[in-house]
């Protein structure tokens, strides 16, 4: 199943991601855009980008876990004949 369908189900309320996933998404965006995050990029560019990649990596891992949960739940809701195709 596609990421697009997953995102649509979240937007329409068909799937409720875990609170930790939402919290990490908000933290990731705020951290990446915050002025505090710009200091490492100014003085130690490589380390500054590595911490950003680490935060985004954790978010991607949580999103992949949520997508797996969504796929299992979606497959359980499907009629048996649709699962075989």
PDB file of N, CA and C in Angstrom:
ATOM      1  N   UNK A   1       0.844  -1.172   0.000  1.00  0.00           N
ATOM      2  CA  UNK A   1       0.000   0.000   0.000  1.00  0.00           C
ATOM      3  C   UNK A   1       0.891   1.237   0.000  1.00  0.00           C
ATOM      4  N   UNK A   2       0.365   2.295  -0.551  1.00  0.00           N
ATOM      5  CA  UNK A   2       1.200   3.469  -0.783  1.00  0.00           C
ATOM      6  C   UNK A   2       1.220   4.429   0.407  1.00  0.00           C
ATOM      7  N   UNK A   3       2.258   5.235   0.429  1.00  0.00           N
ATOM      8  CA  UNK A   3       2.374   6.278   1.444  1.00  0.00           C
ATOM      9  C   UNK A   3       1.260   7.295   1.261  1.00  0.00           C
ATOM     10  N   UNK A   4       0.869   7.541   0.009  1.00  0.00           N
ATOM     11  CA  UNK A   4      -0.179   8.521  -0.256  1.00  0.00           C
ATOM     12  C   UNK A   4      -1.488   8.101   0.415  1.00  0.00           C
ATOM     13  N   UNK A   5      -1.871   6.831   0.280  1.00  0.00           N
ATOM     14  CA  UNK A   5      -3.090   6.316   0.920  1.00  0.00           C
ATOM     15  C   UNK A   5      -2.975   6.405   2.442  1.00  0.00           C
ATOM     16  N   UNK A   6      -1.788   6.116   2.957  1.00  0.00           N
ATOM     17  CA  UNK A   6      -1.532   6.210   4.394  1.00  0.00           C
ATOM     18  C   UNK A   6      -1.754   7.636   4.892  1.00  0.00           C
ATOM     19  N   UNK A   7      -1.200   8.603   4.187  1.00  0.00           N
ATOM     20  CA  UNK A   7      -1.335  10.009   4.577  1.00  0.00           C
ATOM     21  C   UNK A   7      -2.791  10.464   4.464  1.00  0.00           C
ATOM     22  N   UNK A   8      -3.487  10.021   3.416  1.00  0.00           N
ATOM     23  CA  UNK A   8      -4.909  10.368   3.273  1.00  0.00           C
ATOM     24  C   UNK A   8      -5.730   9.802   4.425  1.00  0.00           C
ATOM     25  N   UNK A   9      -5.447   8.567   4.832  1.00  0.00           N
ATOM     26  CA  UNK A   9      -6.182   7.984   5.953  1.00  0.00           C
ATOM     27  C   UNK A   9      -5.932   8.750   7.250  1.00  0.00           C
ATOM     28  N   UNK A  10      -4.726   9.224   7.443  1.00  0.00           N
ATOM     29  CA  UNK A  10      -4.444  10.047   8.635  1.00  0.00           C
ATOM     30  C   UNK A  10      -5.213  11.361   8.543  1.00  0.00           C
ATOM     31  N   UNK A  11      -5.191  11.990   7.374  1.00  0.00           N
ATOM     32  CA  UNK A  11      -5.877  13.271   7.201  1.00  0.00           C
ATOM     33  C   UNK A  11      -7.385  13.138   7.389  1.00  0.00           C
ATOM     34  N   UNK A  12      -7.952  12.010   6.966  1.00  0.00           N
ATOM     35  CA  UNK A  12      -9.398  11.801   7.091  1.00  0.00           C
ATOM     36  C   UNK A  12      -9.795  11.168   8.414  1.00  0.00           C
ATOM     37  N   UNK A  13      -8.835  10.873   9.262  1.00  0.00           N
ATOM     38  CA  UNK A  13      -9.126  10.319  10.571  1.00  0.00           C
ATOM     39  C   UNK A  13      -9.350   8.818  10.591  1.00  0.00           C
ATOM     40  N   UNK A  14      -9.055   8.136   9.482  1.00  0.00           N
ATOM     41  CA  UNK A  14      -9.228   6.684   9.431  1.00  0.00           C
ATOM     42  C   UNK A  14      -8.121   5.962  10.200  1.00  0.00           C
ATOM     43  N   UNK A  15      -6.984   6.613  10.373  1.00  0.00           N
ATOM     44  CA  UNK A  15      -5.880   6.040  11.151  1.00  0.00           C
ATOM     45  C   UNK A  15      -5.380   7.096  12.123  1.00  0.00           C
ATOM     46  N   UNK A  16      -5.233   6.711  13.362  1.00  0.00           N
ATOM     47  CA  UNK A  16      -4.731   7.620  14.402  1.00  0.00           C
ATOM     48  C   UNK A  16      -3.318   7.200  14.786  1.00  0.00           C
ATOM     49  N   UNK A  17      -2.306   7.973  14.367  1.00  0.00           N
ATOM     50  CA  UNK A  17      -0.937   7.652  14.771  1.00  0.00           C
ATOM     51  C   UNK A  17      -0.746   7.800  16.277  1.00  0.00           C
ATOM     52  N   UNK A  18       0.252   7.121  16.781  1.00  0.00           N
ATOM     53  CA  UNK A  18       0.578   7.188  18.212  1.00  0.00           C
ATOM     54  C   UNK A  18       0.984   8.614  18.582  1.00  0.00           C
ATOM     55  N   UNK A  19       0.757   8.942  19.834  1.00  0.00           N
ATOM     56  CA  UNK A  19       1.116  10.272  20.329  1.00  0.00           C
ATOM     57  C   UNK A  19       2.604  10.562  20.219  1.00  0.00           C
ATOM     58  N   UNK A  20       3.425   9.517  20.390  1.00  0.00           N
ATOM     59  CA  UNK A  20       4.876   9.727  20.278  1.00  0.00           C
ATOM     60  C   UNK A  20       5.268  10.107  18.851  1.00  0.00           C
ATOM     61  N   UNK A  21       4.559   9.565  17.875  1.00  0.00           N
ATOM     62  CA  UNK A  21       4.866   9.909  16.479  1.00  0.00           C
ATOM     63  C   UNK A  21       4.507  11.362  16.209  1.00  0.00           C
ATOM     64  N   UNK A  22       3.327  11.786  16.683  1.00  0.00           N
ATOM     65  CA  UNK A  22       2.940  13.194  16.514  1.00  0.00           C
ATOM     66  C   UNK A  22       3.919  14.115  17.233  1.00  0.00           C
ATOM     67  N   UNK A  23       4.272  13.765  18.453  1.00  0.00           N
ATOM     68  CA  UNK A  23       5.197  14.600  19.222  1.00  0.00           C
ATOM     69  C   UNK A  23       6.544  14.710  18.519  1.00  0.00           C
ATOM     70  N   UNK A  24       7.028  13.591  17.982  1.00  0.00           N
ATOM     71  CA  UNK A  24       8.316  13.622  17.282  1.00  0.00           C
ATOM     72  C   UNK A  24       8.220  14.450  16.003  1.00  0.00           C
ATOM     73  N   UNK A  25       7.087  14.385  15.312  1.00  0.00           N
ATOM     74  CA  UNK A  25       6.919  15.190  14.096  1.00  0.00           C
ATOM     75  C   UNK A  25       6.965  16.680  14.425  1.00  0.00           C
ATOM     76  N   UNK A  26       6.264  17.070  15.470  1.00  0.00           N
ATOM     77  CA  UNK A  26       6.260  18.482  15.875  1.00  0.00           C
ATOM     78  C   UNK A  26       7.656  18.899  16.334  1.00  0.00           C
ATOM     79  N   UNK A  27       8.295  18.070  17.155  1.00  0.00           N
ATOM     80  CA  UNK A  27       9.641  18.376  17.635  1.00  0.00           C
ATOM     81  C   UNK A  27      10.629  18.513  16.473  1.00  0.00           C
ATOM     82  N   UNK A  28      10.537  17.613  15.505  1.00  0.00           N
ATOM     83  CA  UNK A  28      11.467  17.632  14.373  1.00  0.00           C
ATOM     84  C   UNK A  28      11.352  18.925  13.584  1.00  0.00           C
ATOM     85  N   UNK A  29      10.139  19.335  13.282  1.00  0.00           N
ATOM     86  CA  UNK A  29       9.951  20.570  12.519  1.00  0.00           C
ATOM     87  C   UNK A  29      10.420  21.771  13.326  1.00  0.00           C
ATOM     88  N   UNK A  30      10.036  21.842  14.591  1.00  0.00           N
ATOM     89  CA  UNK A  30      10.448  22.980  15.422  1.00  0.00           C
ATOM     90  C   UNK A  30      11.962  23.012  15.581  1.00  0.00           C
ATOM     91  N   UNK A  31      12.567  21.859  15.852  1.00  0.00           N
ATOM     92  CA  UNK A  31      14.023  21.805  16.046  1.00  0.00           C
ATOM     93  C   UNK A  31      14.769  22.206  14.779  1.00  0.00           C
ATOM     94  N   UNK A  32      14.302  21.711  13.638  1.00  0.00           N
ATOM     95  CA  UNK A  32      14.989  22.016  12.386  1.00  0.00           C
ATOM     96  C   UNK A  32      14.908  23.494  12.040  1.00  0.00           C
ATOM     97  N   UNK A  33      13.800  24.133  12.363  1.00  0.00           N
ATOM     98  CA  UNK A  33      13.615  25.544  12.015  1.00  0.00           C
ATOM     99  C   UNK A  33      14.043  26.510  13.119  1.00  0.00           C
ATOM    100  N   UNK A  34      14.354  26.005  14.301  1.00  0.00           N
ATOM    101  CA  UNK A  34      14.660  26.887  15.431  1.00  0.00           C
ATOM    102  C   UNK A  34      16.038  27.531  15.285  1.00  0.00           C
ATOM    103  N   UNK A  35      16.179  28.727  15.831  1.00  0.00           N
ATOM    104  CA  UNK A  35      17.486  29.403  15.792  1.00  0.00           C
ATOM    105  C   UNK A  35      18.564  28.634  16.554  1.00  0.00           C
ATOM    106  N   UNK A  36      18.182  27.884  17.576  1.00  0.00           N
ATOM    107  CA  UNK A  36      19.157  27.119  18.350  1.00  0.00           C
ATOM    108  C   UNK A  36      19.855  26.103  17.451  1.00  0.00           C
ATOM    109  N   UNK A  37      19.127  25.563  16.504  1.00  0.00           N
ATOM    110  CA  UNK A  37      19.702  24.565  15.600  1.00  0.00           C
ATOM    111  C   UNK A  37      20.661  25.189  14.593  1.00  0.00           C
ATOM    112  N   UNK A  38      20.565  26.486  14.348  1.00  0.00           N
ATOM    113  CA  UNK A  38      21.447  27.115  13.366  1.00  0.00           C
ATOM    114  C   UNK A  38      22.876  27.298  13.861  1.00  0.00           C
ATOM    115  N   UNK A  39      23.098  27.342  15.179  1.00  0.00           N
ATOM    116  CA  UNK A  39      24.443  27.545  15.703  1.00  0.00           C
ATOM    117  C   UNK A  39      25.407  26.429  15.319  1.00  0.00           C
ATOM    118  N   UNK A  40      25.034  25.158  15.460  1.00  0.00           N
ATOM    119  CA  UNK A  40      25.974  24.112  15.034  1.00  0.00           C
ATOM    120  C   UNK A  40      26.314  24.193  13.543  1.00  0.00           C
ATOM    121  N   UNK A  41      25.332  24.557  12.704  1.00  0.00           N
ATOM    122  CA  UNK A  41      25.608  24.667  11.276  1.00  0.00           C
ATOM    123  C   UNK A  41      26.598  25.801  10.969  1.00  0.00           C
ATOM    124  N   UNK A  42      26.572  26.847  11.780  1.00  0.00           N
ATOM    125  CA  UNK A  42      27.473  27.972  11.546  1.00  0.00           C
ATOM    126  C   UNK A  42      28.919  27.649  11.918  1.00  0.00           C
ATOM    127  N   UNK A  43      29.101  26.948  13.036  1.00  0.00           N
ATOM    128  CA  UNK A  43      30.450  26.723  13.548  1.00  0.00           C
ATOM    129  C   UNK A  43      31.028  25.366  13.158  1.00  0.00           C
ATOM    130  N   UNK A  44      30.214  24.346  13.136  1.00  0.00           N
ATOM    131  CA  UNK A  44      30.660  22.994  12.766  1.00  0.00           C
ATOM    132  C   UNK A  44      29.646  22.416  11.783  1.00  0.00           C
ATOM    133  N   UNK A  45      29.754  22.795  10.514  1.00  0.00           N
ATOM    134  CA  UNK A  45      28.707  22.433   9.553  1.00  0.00           C
ATOM    135  C   UNK A  45      28.403  20.931   9.481  1.00  0.00           C
ATOM    136  N   UNK A  46      29.394  20.096   9.511  1.00  0.00           N
ATOM    137  CA  UNK A  46      29.148  18.658   9.379  1.00  0.00           C
ATOM    138  C   UNK A  46      28.352  18.146  10.577  1.00  0.00           C
ATOM    139  N   UNK A  47      28.758  18.515  11.771  1.00  0.00           N
ATOM    140  CA  UNK A  47      28.064  18.060  12.973  1.00  0.00           C
ATOM    141  C   UNK A  47      26.655  18.657  13.021  1.00  0.00           C
ATOM    142  N   UNK A  48      26.506  19.881  12.578  1.00  0.00           N
ATOM    143  CA  UNK A  48      25.191  20.519  12.558  1.00  0.00           C
ATOM    144  C   UNK A  48      24.204  19.789  11.675  1.00  0.00           C
ATOM    145  N   UNK A  49      24.679  19.276  10.549  1.00  0.00           N
ATOM    146  CA  UNK A  49      23.783  18.538   9.657  1.00  0.00           C
ATOM    147  C   UNK A  49      23.561  17.112  10.143  1.00  0.00           C
ATOM    148  N   UNK A  50      24.526  16.543  10.816  1.00  0.00           N
ATOM    149  CA  UNK A  50      24.372  15.176  11.331  1.00  0.00           C
ATOM    150  C   UNK A  50      23.280  15.128  12.393  1.00  0.00           C
ATOM    151  N   UNK A  51      23.210  16.116  13.265  1.00  0.00           N
ATOM    152  CA  UNK A  51      22.146  16.090  14.285  1.00  0.00           C
ATOM    153  C   UNK A  51      20.773  16.244  13.639  1.00  0.00           C
ATOM    154  N   UNK A  52      20.670  17.049  12.589  1.00  0.00           N
ATOM    155  CA  UNK A  52      19.399  17.160  11.861  1.00  0.00           C
ATOM    156  C   UNK A  52      19.021  15.826  11.223  1.00  0.00           C
ATOM    157  N   UNK A  53      19.987  15.179  10.607  1.00  0.00           N
ATOM    158  CA  UNK A  53      19.711  13.879   9.990  1.00  0.00           C
ATOM    159  C   UNK A  53      19.286  12.849  11.028  1.00  0.00           C
ATOM    160  N   UNK A  54      19.870  12.916  12.202  1.00  0.00           N
ATOM    161  CA  UNK A  54      19.488  11.991  13.268  1.00  0.00           C
ATOM    162  C   UNK A  54      18.049  12.189  13.704  1.00  0.00           C
ATOM    163  N   UNK A  55      17.649  13.436  13.878  1.00  0.00           N
ATOM    164  CA  UNK A  55      16.279  13.735  14.295  1.00  0.00           C
ATOM    165  C   UNK A  55      15.296  13.309  13.204  1.00  0.00           C
ATOM    166  N   UNK A  56      15.606  13.632  11.940  1.00  0.00           N
ATOM    167  CA  UNK A  56      14.736  13.226  10.833  1.00  0.00           C
ATOM    168  C   UNK A  56      14.725  11.706  10.673  1.00  0.00           C
ATOM    169  N   UNK A  57      15.840  11.054  10.949  1.00  0.00           N
ATOM    170  CA  UNK A  57      15.895   9.590  10.870  1.00  0.00           C
ATOM    171  C   UNK A  57      14.970   8.930  11.876  1.00  0.00           C
ATOM    172  N   UNK A  58      14.938   9.463  13.083  1.00  0.00           N
ATOM    173  CA  UNK A  58      14.027   8.921  14.103  1.00  0.00           C
ATOM    174  C   UNK A  58      12.584   9.122  13.653  1.00  0.00           C
ATOM    175  N   UNK A  59      12.266  10.289  13.110  1.00  0.00           N
ATOM    176  CA  UNK A  59      10.907  10.542  12.629  1.00  0.00           C
ATOM    177  C   UNK A  59      10.536   9.582  11.499  1.00  0.00           C
ATOM    178  N   UNK A  60      11.441   9.343  10.579  1.00  0.00           N
ATOM    179  CA  UNK A  60      11.165   8.419   9.476  1.00  0.00           C
ATOM    180  C   UNK A  60      10.944   7.006   9.999  1.00  0.00           C
ATOM    181  N   UNK A  61      11.721   6.591  10.982  1.00  0.00           N
ATOM    182  CA  UNK A  61      11.536   5.257  11.572  1.00  0.00           C
ATOM    183  C   UNK A  61      10.169   5.145  12.238  1.00  0.00           C
ATOM    184  N   UNK A  62       9.760   6.183  12.971  1.00  0.00           N
ATOM    185  CA  UNK A  62       8.440   6.165  13.607  1.00  0.00           C
ATOM    186  C   UNK A  62       7.328   6.172  12.565  1.00  0.00           C
ATOM    187  N   UNK A  63       7.505   6.931  11.485  1.00  0.00           N
ATOM    188  CA  UNK A  63       6.498   6.968  10.419  1.00  0.00           C
ATOM    189  C   UNK A  63       6.390   5.606   9.733  1.00  0.00           C
ATOM    190  N   UNK A  64       7.509   4.937   9.521  1.00  0.00           N
ATOM    191  CA  UNK A  64       7.482   3.605   8.916  1.00  0.00           C
ATOM    192  C   UNK A  64       6.773   2.608   9.829  1.00  0.00           C
ATOM    193  N   UNK A  65       6.992   2.734  11.132  1.00  0.00           N
ATOM    194  CA  UNK A  65       6.297   1.866  12.091  1.00  0.00           C
ATOM    195  C   UNK A  65       4.793   2.116  12.045  1.00  0.00           C
ATOM    196  N   UNK A  66       4.408   3.385  11.976  1.00  0.00           N
ATOM    197  CA  UNK A  66       2.986   3.720  11.880  1.00  0.00           C
ATOM    198  C   UNK A  66       2.375   3.178  10.592  1.00  0.00           C
ATOM    199  N   UNK A  67       3.122   3.270   9.497  1.00  0.00           N
ATOM    200  CA  UNK A  67       2.606   2.759   8.217  1.00  0.00           C
ATOM    201  C   UNK A  67       2.415   1.250   8.293  1.00  0.00           C
ATOM    202  N   UNK A  68       3.303   0.553   8.952  1.00  0.00           N
ATOM    203  CA  UNK A  68       3.155  -0.897   9.117  1.00  0.00           C
ATOM    204  C   UNK A  68       1.906  -1.210   9.936  1.00  0.00           C
ATOM    205  N   UNK A  69       1.682  -0.463  11.005  1.00  0.00           N
ATOM    206  CA  UNK A  69       0.467  -0.655  11.812  1.00  0.00           C
ATOM    207  C   UNK A  69      -0.778  -0.403  10.974  1.00  0.00           C
ATOM    208  N   UNK A  70      -0.740   0.636  10.138  1.00  0.00           N
ATOM    209  CA  UNK A  70      -1.860   0.977   9.271  1.00  0.00           C
ATOM    210  C   UNK A  70      -2.119  -0.128   8.246  1.00  0.00           C
ATOM    211  N   UNK A  71      -1.048  -0.677   7.672  1.00  0.00           N
ATOM    212  CA  UNK A  71      -1.211  -1.751   6.684  1.00  0.00           C
ATOM    213  C   UNK A  71      -1.859  -2.979   7.309  1.00  0.00           C
ATOM    214  N   UNK A  72      -1.446  -3.338   8.513  1.00  0.00           N
ATOM    215  CA  UNK A  72      -2.034  -4.491   9.196  1.00  0.00           C
ATOM    216  C   UNK A  72      -3.510  -4.230   9.479  1.00  0.00           C
ATOM    217  N   UNK A  73      -3.820  -3.041   9.974  1.00  0.00           N
ATOM    218  CA  UNK A  73      -5.210  -2.704  10.275  1.00  0.00           C
ATOM    219  C   UNK A  73      -6.056  -2.641   9.000  1.00  0.00           C
ATOM    220  N   UNK A  74      -5.495  -2.118   7.921  1.00  0.00           N
ATOM    221  CA  UNK A  74      -6.222  -2.038   6.656  1.00  0.00           C
ATOM    222  C   UNK A  74      -6.481  -3.426   6.092  1.00  0.00           C
ATOM    223  N   UNK A  75      -5.504  -4.300   6.187  1.00  0.00           N
ATOM    224  CA  UNK A  75      -5.679  -5.667   5.683  1.00  0.00           C
ATOM    225  C   UNK A  75      -6.742  -6.405   6.487  1.00  0.00           C
ATOM    226  N   UNK A  76      -6.834  -6.132   7.768  1.00  0.00           N
ATOM    227  CA  UNK A  76      -7.838  -6.789   8.611  1.00  0.00           C
ATOM    228  C   UNK A  76      -9.247  -6.314   8.263  1.00  0.00           C
ATOM    229  N   UNK A  77      -9.372  -5.076   7.796  1.00  0.00           N
ATOM    230  CA  UNK A  77     -10.687  -4.542   7.439  1.00  0.00           C
ATOM    231  C   UNK A  77     -11.160  -5.004   6.066  1.00  0.00           C
ATOM    232  N   UNK A  78     -10.235  -5.455   5.204  1.00  0.00           N
ATOM    233  CA  UNK A  78     -10.591  -5.864   3.856  1.00  0.00           C
ATOM    234  C   UNK A  78     -11.312  -7.206   3.853  1.00  0.00           C
ATOM    235  N   UNK A  79     -12.256  -7.378   2.937  1.00  0.00           N
ATOM    236  CA  UNK A  79     -12.827  -8.719   2.760  1.00  0.00           C
ATOM    237  C   UNK A  79     -11.743  -9.686   2.287  1.00  0.00           C
ATOM    238  N   UNK A  80     -11.905 -10.959   2.602  1.00  0.00           N
ATOM    239  CA  UNK A  80     -10.889 -11.969   2.300  1.00  0.00           C
ATOM    240  C   UNK A  80     -10.527 -12.013   0.808  1.00  0.00           C
ATOM    241  N   UNK A  81     -11.478 -11.876  -0.081  1.00  0.00           N
ATOM    242  CA  UNK A  81     -11.211 -11.974  -1.523  1.00  0.00           C
ATOM    243  C   UNK A  81     -10.305 -10.832  -1.986  1.00  0.00           C
ATOM    244  N   UNK A  82     -10.467  -9.653  -1.403  1.00  0.00           N
ATOM    245  CA  UNK A  82      -9.639  -8.514  -1.812  1.00  0.00           C
ATOM    246  C   UNK A  82      -8.192  -8.676  -1.362  1.00  0.00           C
ATOM    247  N   UNK A  83      -7.949  -9.398  -0.304  1.00  0.00           N
ATOM    248  CA  UNK A  83      -6.579  -9.575   0.188  1.00  0.00           C
ATOM    249  C   UNK A  83      -5.754 -10.438  -0.758  1.00  0.00           C
ATOM    250  N   UNK A  84      -6.401 -11.319  -1.500  1.00  0.00           N
ATOM    251  CA  UNK A  84      -5.673 -12.222  -2.380  1.00  0.00           C
ATOM    252  C   UNK A  84      -5.226 -11.567  -3.671  1.00  0.00           C
ATOM    253  N   UNK A  85      -5.860 -10.495  -4.072  1.00  0.00           N
ATOM    254  CA  UNK A  85      -5.504  -9.882  -5.354  1.00  0.00           C
ATOM    255  C   UNK A  85      -4.385  -8.889  -5.219  1.00  0.00           C
TER     256      UNK A  85
END
